[in-house]
Amino acid sequence: MSLYRPFNLIKDLNDCKHLWKIAVRITQIWYVQTPPKPGHLEMILMDSNGDKIQVSVRNDEFNQWSQCLLENNIYVMHNFNVLRNDLQYKVCDHFYIM
């Protein structure tokens, strides 16, 4: 029995499960703050097919990830939440956000 889990593509992401594994490049990363709320990290990820998805890193995880994630670097991300992209201003055309 193998424990290997293959990589998924961004185009396949949906909100039906949480066990995803993707290899992506961070194409853009920025910090958002709307006082009086605490800030959060926003990113655009791109996979090897050129598909993109928007990502929001919650405030409680911001300190853990803000220094580790760098623009133009490639990362393997797994076991994250996928939600419908109902944002007023969409940065990507993808139906979901992470």
N, C-alpha and C. Protein backbone atom coordinates (compact mmCIF):
# COMPACT_ATOMS: atom_id res chain seq x y z
N MET A 1 0.83 -1.17 0.00
CA MET A 1 0.00 0.00 0.00
C MET A 1 0.88 1.24 0.00
N SER A 2 0.56 2.19 -0.86
CA SER A 2 1.34 3.41 -0.98
C SER A 2 0.64 4.57 -0.28
N LEU A 3 1.41 5.41 0.40
CA LEU A 3 0.86 6.59 1.04
C LEU A 3 1.02 7.83 0.16
N TYR A 4 1.55 7.64 -1.03
CA TYR A 4 1.77 8.74 -1.95
C TYR A 4 0.44 9.34 -2.39
N ARG A 5 0.34 10.64 -2.35
CA ARG A 5 -0.85 11.33 -2.82
C ARG A 5 -0.43 12.25 -3.96
N PRO A 6 -1.00 12.08 -5.14
CA PRO A 6 -0.57 12.89 -6.30
C PRO A 6 -0.97 14.34 -6.14
N PHE A 7 -0.30 15.19 -6.91
CA PHE A 7 -0.62 16.61 -6.90
C PHE A 7 -1.93 16.86 -7.63
N ASN A 8 -2.69 17.82 -7.13
CA ASN A 8 -3.90 18.28 -7.80
C ASN A 8 -3.57 19.54 -8.58
N LEU A 9 -4.42 19.89 -9.52
CA LEU A 9 -4.27 21.13 -10.28
C LEU A 9 -5.25 22.17 -9.74
N ILE A 10 -4.91 23.42 -9.90
CA ILE A 10 -5.77 24.49 -9.41
C ILE A 10 -7.17 24.41 -10.03
N LYS A 11 -7.26 24.04 -11.31
CA LYS A 11 -8.56 23.97 -11.98
C LYS A 11 -9.48 22.94 -11.33
N ASP A 12 -8.92 21.96 -10.62
CA ASP A 12 -9.71 20.91 -9.99
C ASP A 12 -10.17 21.24 -8.57
N LEU A 13 -9.65 22.32 -7.98
CA LEU A 13 -10.00 22.67 -6.59
C LEU A 13 -11.47 23.02 -6.48
N ASN A 14 -12.10 22.52 -5.41
CA ASN A 14 -13.49 22.87 -5.10
C ASN A 14 -13.69 22.73 -3.60
N ASP A 15 -14.90 23.02 -3.13
CA ASP A 15 -15.16 23.00 -1.69
C ASP A 15 -15.71 21.68 -1.18
N CYS A 16 -15.53 20.60 -1.93
CA CYS A 16 -16.06 19.28 -1.54
C CYS A 16 -15.16 18.53 -0.56
N LYS A 17 -13.89 18.92 -0.45
CA LYS A 17 -12.99 18.22 0.46
C LYS A 17 -11.89 19.16 0.94
N HIS A 18 -11.09 18.69 1.89
CA HIS A 18 -9.99 19.48 2.45
C HIS A 18 -8.62 18.84 2.21
N LEU A 19 -8.59 17.66 1.64
CA LEU A 19 -7.33 16.96 1.42
C LEU A 19 -6.80 17.22 0.02
N TRP A 20 -6.31 18.40 -0.17
CA TRP A 20 -5.72 18.80 -1.45
C TRP A 20 -4.20 18.86 -1.30
N LYS A 21 -3.52 18.73 -2.43
CA LYS A 21 -2.05 18.89 -2.45
C LYS A 21 -1.71 19.50 -3.80
N ILE A 22 -1.15 20.72 -3.77
CA ILE A 22 -0.82 21.42 -5.00
C ILE A 22 0.61 21.93 -4.96
N ALA A 23 1.23 22.01 -6.13
CA ALA A 23 2.55 22.62 -6.28
C ALA A 23 2.31 23.92 -7.04
N VAL A 24 2.69 25.04 -6.43
CA VAL A 24 2.36 26.36 -6.99
C VAL A 24 3.50 27.35 -6.83
N ARG A 25 3.44 28.38 -7.65
CA ARG A 25 4.34 29.53 -7.53
C ARG A 25 3.50 30.69 -7.02
N ILE A 26 4.03 31.45 -6.07
CA ILE A 26 3.36 32.67 -5.62
C ILE A 26 3.72 33.76 -6.62
N THR A 27 2.72 34.21 -7.37
CA THR A 27 2.98 35.25 -8.38
C THR A 27 2.85 36.65 -7.80
N GLN A 28 1.99 36.81 -6.81
CA GLN A 28 1.84 38.10 -6.12
C GLN A 28 1.50 37.84 -4.67
N ILE A 29 2.00 38.71 -3.80
CA ILE A 29 1.68 38.61 -2.38
C ILE A 29 1.59 40.02 -1.82
N TRP A 30 0.57 40.27 -0.99
CA TRP A 30 0.41 41.60 -0.41
C TRP A 30 -0.33 41.50 0.92
N TYR A 31 -0.19 42.56 1.70
CA TYR A 31 -0.78 42.65 3.03
C TYR A 31 -1.98 43.58 2.96
N VAL A 32 -3.10 43.18 3.56
CA VAL A 32 -4.32 43.98 3.54
C VAL A 32 -4.69 44.34 4.97
N GLN A 33 -4.95 45.62 5.19
CA GLN A 33 -5.43 46.03 6.51
C GLN A 33 -6.51 47.08 6.34
N THR A 34 -7.64 46.82 6.96
CA THR A 34 -8.74 47.76 6.99
C THR A 34 -9.09 48.03 8.45
N PRO A 35 -8.50 49.11 8.99
CA PRO A 35 -8.72 49.40 10.41
C PRO A 35 -10.22 49.52 10.72
N PRO A 36 -10.66 49.10 11.84
CA PRO A 36 -9.91 48.66 13.02
C PRO A 36 -9.59 47.16 13.02
N LYS A 37 -9.94 46.45 11.95
CA LYS A 37 -9.68 45.02 11.89
C LYS A 37 -8.19 44.74 11.74
N PRO A 38 -7.71 43.59 12.26
CA PRO A 38 -6.31 43.23 12.03
C PRO A 38 -6.11 42.86 10.57
N GLY A 39 -4.90 42.96 10.10
CA GLY A 39 -4.60 42.69 8.69
C GLY A 39 -4.49 41.21 8.38
N HIS A 40 -4.41 40.92 7.09
CA HIS A 40 -4.22 39.55 6.63
C HIS A 40 -3.42 39.56 5.34
N LEU A 41 -2.90 38.40 4.98
CA LEU A 41 -2.07 38.24 3.80
C LEU A 41 -2.92 37.75 2.64
N GLU A 42 -2.71 38.30 1.45
CA GLU A 42 -3.40 37.86 0.23
C GLU A 42 -2.33 37.44 -0.77
N MET A 43 -2.63 36.41 -1.56
CA MET A 43 -1.68 35.92 -2.56
C MET A 43 -2.42 35.46 -3.80
N ILE A 44 -1.69 35.42 -4.91
CA ILE A 44 -2.14 34.78 -6.13
C ILE A 44 -1.18 33.62 -6.37
N LEU A 45 -1.74 32.42 -6.51
CA LEU A 45 -0.94 31.22 -6.78
C LEU A 45 -1.18 30.77 -8.21
N MET A 46 -0.12 30.23 -8.84
CA MET A 46 -0.23 29.72 -10.19
C MET A 46 0.40 28.33 -10.25
N ASP A 47 -0.30 27.40 -10.92
CA ASP A 47 0.25 26.04 -11.05
C ASP A 47 1.00 25.90 -12.37
N SER A 48 1.47 24.70 -12.67
CA SER A 48 2.28 24.46 -13.86
C SER A 48 1.50 24.65 -15.16
N ASN A 49 0.17 24.62 -15.10
CA ASN A 49 -0.66 24.86 -16.28
C ASN A 49 -0.98 26.32 -16.50
N GLY A 50 -0.55 27.19 -15.57
CA GLY A 50 -0.83 28.61 -15.68
C GLY A 50 -2.15 29.04 -15.06
N ASP A 51 -2.88 28.10 -14.44
CA ASP A 51 -4.13 28.45 -13.76
C ASP A 51 -3.80 29.16 -12.45
N LYS A 52 -4.67 30.12 -12.07
CA LYS A 52 -4.42 30.93 -10.88
C LYS A 52 -5.60 30.87 -9.93
N ILE A 53 -5.29 31.09 -8.64
CA ILE A 53 -6.32 31.15 -7.60
C ILE A 53 -5.87 32.15 -6.54
N GLN A 54 -6.84 32.83 -5.94
CA GLN A 54 -6.56 33.79 -4.87
C GLN A 54 -6.54 33.07 -3.53
N VAL A 55 -5.66 33.52 -2.64
CA VAL A 55 -5.51 32.92 -1.32
C VAL A 55 -5.54 34.01 -0.26
N SER A 56 -6.25 33.76 0.83
CA SER A 56 -6.25 34.65 1.99
C SER A 56 -5.70 33.89 3.17
N VAL A 57 -4.69 34.46 3.83
CA VAL A 57 -4.11 33.85 5.03
C VAL A 57 -4.68 34.61 6.22
N ARG A 58 -5.44 33.91 7.04
CA ARG A 58 -6.11 34.54 8.17
C ARG A 58 -5.13 35.20 9.12
N ASN A 59 -5.64 36.16 9.86
CA ASN A 59 -4.81 36.91 10.78
C ASN A 59 -4.13 36.03 11.81
N ASP A 60 -4.82 35.01 12.34
CA ASP A 60 -4.21 34.17 13.37
C ASP A 60 -3.07 33.31 12.83
N GLU A 61 -2.98 33.15 11.51
CA GLU A 61 -1.89 32.40 10.90
C GLU A 61 -0.87 33.32 10.23
N PHE A 62 -1.15 34.61 10.22
CA PHE A 62 -0.29 35.57 9.53
C PHE A 62 1.14 35.54 10.03
N ASN A 63 1.34 35.60 11.34
CA ASN A 63 2.70 35.62 11.90
C ASN A 63 3.47 34.36 11.56
N GLN A 64 2.79 33.24 11.49
CA GLN A 64 3.45 31.97 11.17
C GLN A 64 3.95 31.94 9.73
N TRP A 65 3.19 32.52 8.80
CA TRP A 65 3.50 32.38 7.38
C TRP A 65 4.08 33.61 6.72
N SER A 66 3.92 34.79 7.29
CA SER A 66 4.31 36.03 6.58
C SER A 66 5.80 36.08 6.23
N GLN A 67 6.67 35.55 7.06
CA GLN A 67 8.11 35.59 6.81
C GLN A 67 8.59 34.42 5.94
N CYS A 68 7.77 33.39 5.83
CA CYS A 68 8.18 32.18 5.09
C CYS A 68 7.81 32.23 3.62
N LEU A 69 6.73 32.91 3.28
CA LEU A 69 6.22 32.91 1.92
C LEU A 69 6.78 34.09 1.13
N LEU A 70 7.41 33.79 0.00
CA LEU A 70 8.03 34.82 -0.82
C LEU A 70 7.53 34.76 -2.25
N GLU A 71 7.35 35.92 -2.85
CA GLU A 71 6.92 36.01 -4.24
C GLU A 71 7.92 35.32 -5.16
N ASN A 72 7.42 34.65 -6.18
CA ASN A 72 8.18 33.93 -7.21
C ASN A 72 8.81 32.63 -6.74
N ASN A 73 8.58 32.23 -5.51
CA ASN A 73 9.06 30.92 -5.05
C ASN A 73 7.98 29.87 -5.26
N ILE A 74 8.42 28.62 -5.36
CA ILE A 74 7.50 27.50 -5.57
C ILE A 74 7.33 26.75 -4.25
N TYR A 75 6.07 26.40 -3.94
CA TYR A 75 5.74 25.73 -2.69
C TYR A 75 4.79 24.56 -2.96
N VAL A 76 4.81 23.60 -2.05
CA VAL A 76 3.81 22.55 -2.03
C VAL A 76 2.87 22.89 -0.88
N MET A 77 1.59 23.02 -1.18
CA MET A 77 0.60 23.34 -0.16
C MET A 77 -0.39 22.19 -0.10
N HIS A 78 -0.80 21.85 1.12
CA HIS A 78 -1.73 20.75 1.28
C HIS A 78 -2.66 20.97 2.46
N ASN A 79 -3.81 20.29 2.40
CA ASN A 79 -4.81 20.27 3.48
C ASN A 79 -5.25 21.68 3.88
N PHE A 80 -5.82 22.39 2.95
CA PHE A 80 -6.29 23.76 3.17
C PHE A 80 -7.78 23.84 2.87
N ASN A 81 -8.38 24.94 3.28
CA ASN A 81 -9.80 25.17 3.02
C ASN A 81 -9.99 25.82 1.67
N VAL A 82 -11.01 25.40 0.96
CA VAL A 82 -11.39 25.99 -0.32
C VAL A 82 -12.82 26.49 -0.17
N LEU A 83 -13.04 27.77 -0.51
CA LEU A 83 -14.34 28.41 -0.36
C LEU A 83 -14.76 29.05 -1.67
N ARG A 84 -16.06 29.25 -1.83
CA ARG A 84 -16.54 29.95 -3.02
C ARG A 84 -16.00 31.37 -3.05
N ASN A 85 -15.62 31.82 -4.22
CA ASN A 85 -15.09 33.18 -4.38
C ASN A 85 -16.26 34.13 -4.60
N ASP A 86 -16.81 34.63 -3.49
CA ASP A 86 -17.90 35.59 -3.59
C ASP A 86 -17.45 36.99 -3.19
N LEU A 87 -16.16 37.25 -3.33
CA LEU A 87 -15.61 38.56 -3.01
C LEU A 87 -16.14 39.61 -3.99
N GLN A 88 -16.26 40.82 -3.50
CA GLN A 88 -16.76 41.90 -4.36
C GLN A 88 -15.76 42.20 -5.48
N TYR A 89 -14.47 42.22 -5.14
CA TYR A 89 -13.42 42.47 -6.13
C TYR A 89 -12.61 41.20 -6.30
N LYS A 90 -12.78 40.54 -7.42
CA LYS A 90 -12.08 39.29 -7.68
C LYS A 90 -10.76 39.56 -8.41
N VAL A 91 -9.70 38.99 -7.89
CA VAL A 91 -8.38 39.15 -8.49
C VAL A 91 -8.15 38.07 -9.55
N CYS A 92 -8.81 36.91 -9.38
CA CYS A 92 -8.69 35.79 -10.33
C CYS A 92 -10.08 35.37 -10.79
N ASP A 93 -10.15 34.70 -11.93
CA ASP A 93 -11.41 34.22 -12.45
C ASP A 93 -11.88 32.91 -11.83
N HIS A 94 -11.03 32.28 -11.01
CA HIS A 94 -11.36 30.99 -10.42
C HIS A 94 -12.62 31.11 -9.56
N PHE A 95 -13.48 30.10 -9.64
CA PHE A 95 -14.76 30.08 -8.92
C PHE A 95 -14.56 29.97 -7.40
N TYR A 96 -13.36 29.53 -6.97
CA TYR A 96 -13.07 29.34 -5.55
C TYR A 96 -11.85 30.15 -5.13
N ILE A 97 -11.71 30.31 -3.81
CA ILE A 97 -10.51 30.89 -3.20
C ILE A 97 -10.01 29.91 -2.14
N MET A 98 -8.76 30.03 -1.78
CA MET A 98 -8.19 29.20 -0.70
C MET A 98 -8.01 30.08 0.53
